[in-house]
PDB file of N, CA and C in Angstrom:
ATOM      1  N   MET A   1     -81.601  83.945 277.586  1.00  0.00           N
ATOM      2  CA  MET A   1     -81.693  82.877 277.303  1.00  0.00           C
ATOM      3  C   MET A   1     -80.525  81.882 276.582  1.00  0.00           C
ATOM      4  N   ILE A   2     -79.915  82.727 275.405  1.00  0.00           N
ATOM      5  CA  ILE A   2     -78.758  82.589 274.770  1.00  0.00           C
ATOM      6  C   ILE A   2     -77.697  83.203 275.318  1.00  0.00           C
ATOM      7  N   GLU A   3     -77.500  83.753 276.397  1.00  0.00           N
ATOM      8  CA  GLU A   3     -76.309  83.746 277.120  1.00  0.00           C
ATOM      9  C   GLU A   3     -76.192  82.733 278.372  1.00  0.00           C
ATOM     10  N   ASN A   4     -77.241  81.971 278.702  1.00  0.00           N
ATOM     11  CA  ASN A   4     -77.722  80.833 279.485  1.00  0.00           C
ATOM     12  C   ASN A   4     -76.920  79.342 278.659  1.00  0.00           C
ATOM     13  N   LEU A   5     -77.423  79.607 277.685  1.00  0.00           N
ATOM     14  CA  LEU A   5     -77.083  78.613 276.779  1.00  0.00           C
ATOM     15  C   LEU A   5     -75.715  78.434 276.577  1.00  0.00           C
ATOM     16  N   ILE A   6     -74.908  79.410 276.052  1.00  0.00           N
ATOM     17  CA  ILE A   6     -73.493  79.631 276.001  1.00  0.00           C
ATOM     18  C   ILE A   6     -72.706  79.390 277.233  1.00  0.00           C
ATOM     19  N   LEU A   7     -73.111  80.275 278.207  1.00  0.00           N
ATOM     20  CA  LEU A   7     -72.302  80.066 279.723  1.00  0.00           C
ATOM     21  C   LEU A   7     -72.566  78.516 280.044  1.00  0.00           C
ATOM     22  N   SER A   8     -73.783  77.440 279.692  1.00  0.00           N
ATOM     23  CA  SER A   8     -73.674  76.258 280.188  1.00  0.00           C
ATOM     24  C   SER A   8     -73.077  75.419 279.054  1.00  0.00           C
ATOM     25  N   ALA A   9     -72.530  75.694 278.106  1.00  0.00           N
ATOM     26  CA  ALA A   9     -71.775  74.651 277.068  1.00  0.00           C
ATOM     27  C   ALA A   9     -70.320  74.988 277.573  1.00  0.00           C
ATOM     28  N   ILE A  10     -70.208  76.418 278.142  1.00  0.00           N
ATOM     29  CA  ILE A  10     -68.696  76.739 278.186  1.00  0.00           C
ATOM     30  C   ILE A  10     -68.331  75.675 279.487  1.00  0.00           C
ATOM     31  N   PHE A  11     -69.160  75.844 280.755  1.00  0.00           N
ATOM     32  CA  PHE A  11     -69.164  75.050 281.632  1.00  0.00           C
ATOM     33  C   PHE A  11     -69.251  73.424 281.524  1.00  0.00           C
ATOM     34  N   VAL A  12     -69.927  73.016 280.556  1.00  0.00           N
ATOM     35  CA  VAL A  12     -69.863  71.739 280.728  1.00  0.00           C
ATOM     36  C   VAL A  12     -68.620  70.940 280.087  1.00  0.00           C
ATOM     37  N   THR A  13     -67.981  72.193 278.986  1.00  0.00           N
ATOM     38  CA  THR A  13     -66.872  71.791 278.144  1.00  0.00           C
ATOM     39  C   THR A  13     -65.428  71.725 279.218  1.00  0.00           C
ATOM     40  N   ALA A  14     -65.818  72.785 280.070  1.00  0.00           N
ATOM     41  CA  ALA A  14     -64.689  72.588 280.933  1.00  0.00           C
ATOM     42  C   ALA A  14     -64.602  71.644 282.011  1.00  0.00           C
ATOM     43  N   LEU A  15     -66.049  71.831 282.108  1.00  0.00           N
ATOM     44  CA  LEU A  15     -65.908  69.793 283.140  1.00  0.00           C
ATOM     45  C   LEU A  15     -65.877  68.923 282.483  1.00  0.00           C
ATOM     46  N   TRP A  16     -65.783  68.631 281.193  1.00  0.00           N
ATOM     47  CA  TRP A  16     -65.224  67.323 280.509  1.00  0.00           C
ATOM     48  C   TRP A  16     -63.582  67.071 280.449  1.00  0.00           C
ATOM     49  N   PHE A  17     -63.116  68.412 280.348  1.00  0.00           N
ATOM     50  CA  PHE A  17     -61.971  68.761 279.799  1.00  0.00           C
ATOM     51  C   PHE A  17     -61.074  68.153 281.273  1.00  0.00           C
ATOM     52  N   SER A  18     -61.515  68.729 282.384  1.00  0.00           N
ATOM     53  CA  SER A  18     -61.193  68.683 283.729  1.00  0.00           C
ATOM     54  C   SER A  18     -61.265  67.094 283.826  1.00  0.00           C
ATOM     55  N   PHE A  19     -62.118  66.847 284.134  1.00  0.00           N
ATOM     56  CA  PHE A  19     -62.654  65.365 284.362  1.00  0.00           C
ATOM     57  C   PHE A  19     -61.413  64.208 283.077  1.00  0.00           C
ATOM     58  N   ASN A  20     -61.032  64.511 282.145  1.00  0.00           N
ATOM     59  CA  ASN A  20     -60.737  63.594 281.264  1.00  0.00           C
ATOM     60  C   ASN A  20     -58.963  64.092 282.000  1.00  0.00           C
ATOM     61  N   LYS A  21     -58.551  65.271 282.613  1.00  0.00           N
ATOM     62  CA  LYS A  21     -56.985  65.322 283.030  1.00  0.00           C
ATOM     63  C   LYS A  21     -56.859  64.623 284.149  1.00  0.00           C
ATOM     64  N   PHE A  22     -58.073  64.695 285.256  1.00  0.00           N
ATOM     65  CA  PHE A  22     -57.724  64.220 286.511  1.00  0.00           C
ATOM     66  C   PHE A  22     -58.226  62.895 286.813  1.00  0.00           C
ATOM     67  N   PHE A  23     -59.086  62.213 285.945  1.00  0.00           N
ATOM     68  CA  PHE A  23     -59.482  60.883 285.714  1.00  0.00           C
ATOM     69  C   PHE A  23     -59.363  60.369 284.460  1.00  0.00           C
ATOM     70  N   PRO A  24     -58.175  59.912 284.156  1.00  0.00           N
ATOM     71  CA  PRO A  24     -58.010  59.437 282.672  1.00  0.00           C
ATOM     72  C   PRO A  24     -58.539  58.169 282.744  1.00  0.00           C
ATOM     73  N   SER A  25     -58.282  57.166 283.410  1.00  0.00           N
ATOM     74  CA  SER A  25     -58.662  55.583 283.181  1.00  0.00           C
ATOM     75  C   SER A  25     -60.108  55.789 283.172  1.00  0.00           C
ATOM     76  N   THR A  26     -60.904  56.532 284.240  1.00  0.00           N
ATOM     77  CA  THR A  26     -62.388  56.394 284.524  1.00  0.00           C
ATOM     78  C   THR A  26     -62.843  57.122 283.204  1.00  0.00           C
ATOM     79  N   SER A  27     -62.194  58.187 282.734  1.00  0.00           N
ATOM     80  CA  SER A  27     -62.529  58.720 281.517  1.00  0.00           C
ATOM     81  C   SER A  27     -62.727  57.862 280.250  1.00  0.00           C
ATOM     82  N   ARG A  28     -61.456  57.277 280.051  1.00  0.00           N
ATOM     83  CA  ARG A  28     -61.511  56.070 279.230  1.00  0.00           C
ATOM     84  C   ARG A  28     -62.795  54.771 279.169  1.00  0.00           C
ATOM     85  N   ARG A  29     -63.072  54.787 280.387  1.00  0.00           N
ATOM     86  CA  ARG A  29     -64.145  53.734 280.574  1.00  0.00           C
ATOM     87  C   ARG A  29     -65.536  54.728 280.129  1.00  0.00           C
ATOM     88  N   VAL A  30     -65.705  55.274 280.562  1.00  0.00           N
ATOM     89  CA  VAL A  30     -66.756  56.164 280.140  1.00  0.00           C
ATOM     90  C   VAL A  30     -67.266  56.324 278.926  1.00  0.00           C
ATOM     91  N   LYS A  31     -66.006  56.973 277.947  1.00  0.00           N
ATOM     92  CA  LYS A  31     -66.212  57.043 276.608  1.00  0.00           C
ATOM     93  C   LYS A  31     -66.350  55.906 275.939  1.00  0.00           C
ATOM     94  N   SER A  32     -65.871  54.450 276.321  1.00  0.00           N
ATOM     95  CA  SER A  32     -66.294  53.466 275.853  1.00  0.00           C
ATOM     96  C   SER A  32     -67.759  53.134 275.856  1.00  0.00           C
ATOM     97  N   PHE A  33     -68.018  53.262 277.146  1.00  0.00           N
ATOM     98  CA  PHE A  33     -69.353  52.760 277.821  1.00  0.00           C
ATOM     99  C   PHE A  33     -70.503  53.961 276.569  1.00  0.00           C
ATOM    100  N   LEU A  34     -70.156  54.977 276.637  1.00  0.00           N
ATOM    101  CA  LEU A  34     -71.007  55.950 275.671  1.00  0.00           C
ATOM    102  C   LEU A  34     -70.870  55.508 274.299  1.00  0.00           C
ATOM    103  N   LEU A  35     -69.919  55.197 273.894  1.00  0.00           N
ATOM    104  CA  LEU A  35     -69.600  54.538 272.458  1.00  0.00           C
ATOM    105  C   LEU A  35     -70.239  53.043 272.003  1.00  0.00           C
ATOM    106  N   THR A  36     -70.442  52.337 273.217  1.00  0.00           N
ATOM    107  CA  THR A  36     -70.771  51.354 272.971  1.00  0.00           C
ATOM    108  C   THR A  36     -72.656  51.628 272.809  1.00  0.00           C
ATOM    109  N   ALA A  37     -72.805  52.169 274.099  1.00  0.00           N
ATOM    110  CA  ALA A  37     -74.392  52.348 274.229  1.00  0.00           C
ATOM    111  C   ALA A  37     -74.958  53.038 272.833  1.00  0.00           C
ATOM    112  N   LEU A  38     -74.457  53.986 272.054  1.00  0.00           N
ATOM    113  CA  LEU A  38     -74.296  54.493 270.996  1.00  0.00           C
ATOM    114  C   LEU A  38     -74.219  53.558 269.827  1.00  0.00           C
ATOM    115  N   GLY A  39     -73.735  52.782 269.924  1.00  0.00           N
ATOM    116  CA  GLY A  39     -74.155  51.268 268.946  1.00  0.00           C
ATOM    117  C   GLY A  39     -72.682  51.581 267.931  1.00  0.00           C
ATOM    118  N   ARG A  40     -71.761  52.481 268.551  1.00  0.00           N
ATOM    119  CA  ARG A  40     -70.509  52.740 267.639  1.00  0.00           C
ATOM    120  C   ARG A  40     -69.184  51.659 268.239  1.00  0.00           C
ATOM    121  N   LYS A  41     -68.135  51.685 267.427  1.00  0.00           N
ATOM    122  CA  LYS A  41     -67.217  50.672 267.822  1.00  0.00           C
ATOM    123  C   LYS A  41     -66.129  51.594 268.814  1.00  0.00           C
ATOM    124  N   SER A  42     -65.606  51.163 269.901  1.00  0.00           N
ATOM    125  CA  SER A  42     -64.619  51.599 270.674  1.00  0.00           C
ATOM    126  C   SER A  42     -63.255  51.689 270.061  1.00  0.00           C
ATOM    127  N   PRO A  43     -62.589  52.418 269.918  1.00  0.00           N
ATOM    128  CA  PRO A  43     -61.275  52.786 269.212  1.00  0.00           C
ATOM    129  C   PRO A  43     -60.500  51.898 270.024  1.00  0.00           C
ATOM    130  N   ALA A  44     -59.481  51.721 269.169  1.00  0.00           N
ATOM    131  CA  ALA A  44     -58.171  50.628 270.018  1.00  0.00           C
ATOM    132  C   ALA A  44     -57.464  51.232 270.891  1.00  0.00           C
ATOM    133  N   PRO A  45     -56.844  50.966 272.010  1.00  0.00           N
ATOM    134  CA  PRO A  45     -56.479  51.851 273.122  1.00  0.00           C
ATOM    135  C   PRO A  45     -54.757  52.312 272.278  1.00  0.00           C
ATOM    136  N   VAL A  46     -54.744  53.425 272.775  1.00  0.00           N
ATOM    137  CA  VAL A  46     -53.505  53.983 272.169  1.00  0.00           C
ATOM    138  C   VAL A  46     -52.107  53.751 273.503  1.00  0.00           C
ATOM    139  N   LEU A  47     -51.057  52.693 272.822  1.00  0.00           N
ATOM    140  CA  LEU A  47     -49.817  52.508 273.703  1.00  0.00           C
ATOM    141  C   LEU A  47     -48.788  53.489 273.901  1.00  0.00           C
ATOM    142  N   VAL A  48     -48.415  53.862 274.906  1.00  0.00           N
ATOM    143  CA  VAL A  48     -47.696  54.855 275.283  1.00  0.00           C
ATOM    144  C   VAL A  48     -46.134  54.031 275.157  1.00  0.00           C
ATOM    145  N   LYS A  49     -45.569  54.429 274.744  1.00  0.00           N
ATOM    146  CA  LYS A  49     -43.852  53.669 274.644  1.00  0.00           C
ATOM    147  C   LYS A  49     -42.984  54.349 275.478  1.00  0.00           C
ATOM    148  N   THR A  50     -43.136  53.645 276.801  1.00  0.00           N
ATOM    149  CA  THR A  50     -41.698  54.150 277.760  1.00  0.00           C
ATOM    150  C   THR A  50     -40.439  54.068 277.308  1.00  0.00           C
ATOM    151  N   PRO A  51     -39.909  55.317 277.887  1.00  0.00           N
ATOM    152  CA  PRO A  51     -38.465  55.622 277.459  1.00  0.00           C
ATOM    153  C   PRO A  51     -37.393  54.803 277.957  1.00  0.00           C
ATOM    154  N   THR A  52     -36.519  53.870 277.143  1.00  0.00           N
ATOM    155  CA  THR A  52     -35.392  52.985 278.133  1.00  0.00           C
ATOM    156  C   THR A  52     -34.012  53.480 277.748  1.00  0.00           C
ATOM    157  N   GLY A  53     -33.175  52.617 278.442  1.00  0.00           N
ATOM    158  CA  GLY A  53     -31.661  53.385 278.072  1.00  0.00           C
ATOM    159  C   GLY A  53     -31.068  54.471 279.341  1.00  0.00           C
ATOM    160  N   CYS A  54     -30.383  54.309 279.237  1.00  0.00           N
ATOM    161  CA  CYS A  54     -29.261  55.124 280.216  1.00  0.00           C
ATOM    162  C   CYS A  54     -29.922  56.523 280.245  1.00  0.00           C
ATOM    163  N   GLY A  55     -30.330  57.291 281.441  1.00  0.00           N
ATOM    164  CA  GLY A  55     -30.947  58.410 281.726  1.00  0.00           C
ATOM    165  C   GLY A  55     -32.520  58.636 281.576  1.00  0.00           C
ATOM    166  N   SER A  56     -33.041  57.253 281.293  1.00  0.00           N
ATOM    167  CA  SER A  56     -34.317  57.267 281.348  1.00  0.00           C
ATOM    168  C   SER A  56     -35.362  57.458 282.805  1.00  0.00           C
ATOM    169  N   GLY A  57     -34.589  56.708 283.464  1.00  0.00           N
ATOM    170  CA  GLY A  57     -34.776  57.131 285.154  1.00  0.00           C
ATOM    171  C   GLY A  57     -35.279  55.664 285.498  1.00  0.00           C
ATOM    172  N   CYS A  58     -34.826  54.588 285.045  1.00  0.00           N
ATOM    173  CA  CYS A  58     -35.313  53.202 285.378  1.00  0.00           C
ATOM    174  C   CYS A  58     -34.806  52.724 286.649  1.00  0.00           C
ATOM    175  N   GLY A  59     -33.126  53.125 286.502  1.00  0.00           N
ATOM    176  CA  GLY A  59     -32.433  52.694 287.597  1.00  0.00           C
ATOM    177  C   GLY A  59     -31.812  51.170 287.068  1.00  0.00           C
ATOM    178  N   LYS A  60     -31.656  50.767 285.780  1.00  0.00           N
ATOM    179  CA  LYS A  60     -30.543  49.977 285.559  1.00  0.00           C
ATOM    180  C   LYS A  60     -28.997  49.685 285.326  1.00  0.00           C
ATOM    181  N   CYS A  61     -28.910  51.113 285.102  1.00  0.00           N
ATOM    182  CA  CYS A  61     -27.305  51.441 284.910  1.00  0.00           C
ATOM    183  C   CYS A  61     -26.928  51.961 285.901  1.00  0.00           C
ATOM    184  N   ASN A  62     -27.494  52.638 286.742  1.00  0.00           N
ATOM    185  CA  ASN A  62     -27.233  53.384 288.021  1.00  0.00           C
ATOM    186  C   ASN A  62     -26.515  54.852 287.650  1.00  0.00           C
ATOM    187  N   GLY A  63     -27.177  54.984 286.897  1.00  0.00           N
ATOM    188  CA  GLY A  63     -26.705  56.361 286.558  1.00  0.00           C
ATOM    189  C   GLY A  63     -28.090  57.360 286.288  1.00  0.00           C
ATOM    190  N   CYS A  64     -29.332  57.040 287.046  1.00  0.00           N
ATOM    191  CA  CYS A  64     -30.366  58.088 287.381  1.00  0.00           C
ATOM    192  C   CYS A  64     -29.884  59.147 288.040  1.00  0.00           C
ATOM    193  N   GLY A  65     -30.168  60.584 287.778  1.00  0.00           N
ATOM    194  CA  GLY A  65     -29.900  61.285 288.724  1.00  0.00           C
ATOM    195  C   GLY A  65     -30.672  62.686 288.540  1.00  0.00           C
TER     196      GLY A  65
END
């Protein structure tokens, strides 16, 4: 019984982490839905700063390579 419980917990954890990795936008929506369903405030979205300047791969300086 304990073995099944431990294996189930490991399986659910691995499933959750892989879901977060392969479906990030859907994962954010699911997390937001779960937080609102529990009556908690959803956290503010994290803004990712994109690199700019020469060598960032944007193509503005014709120096991408």
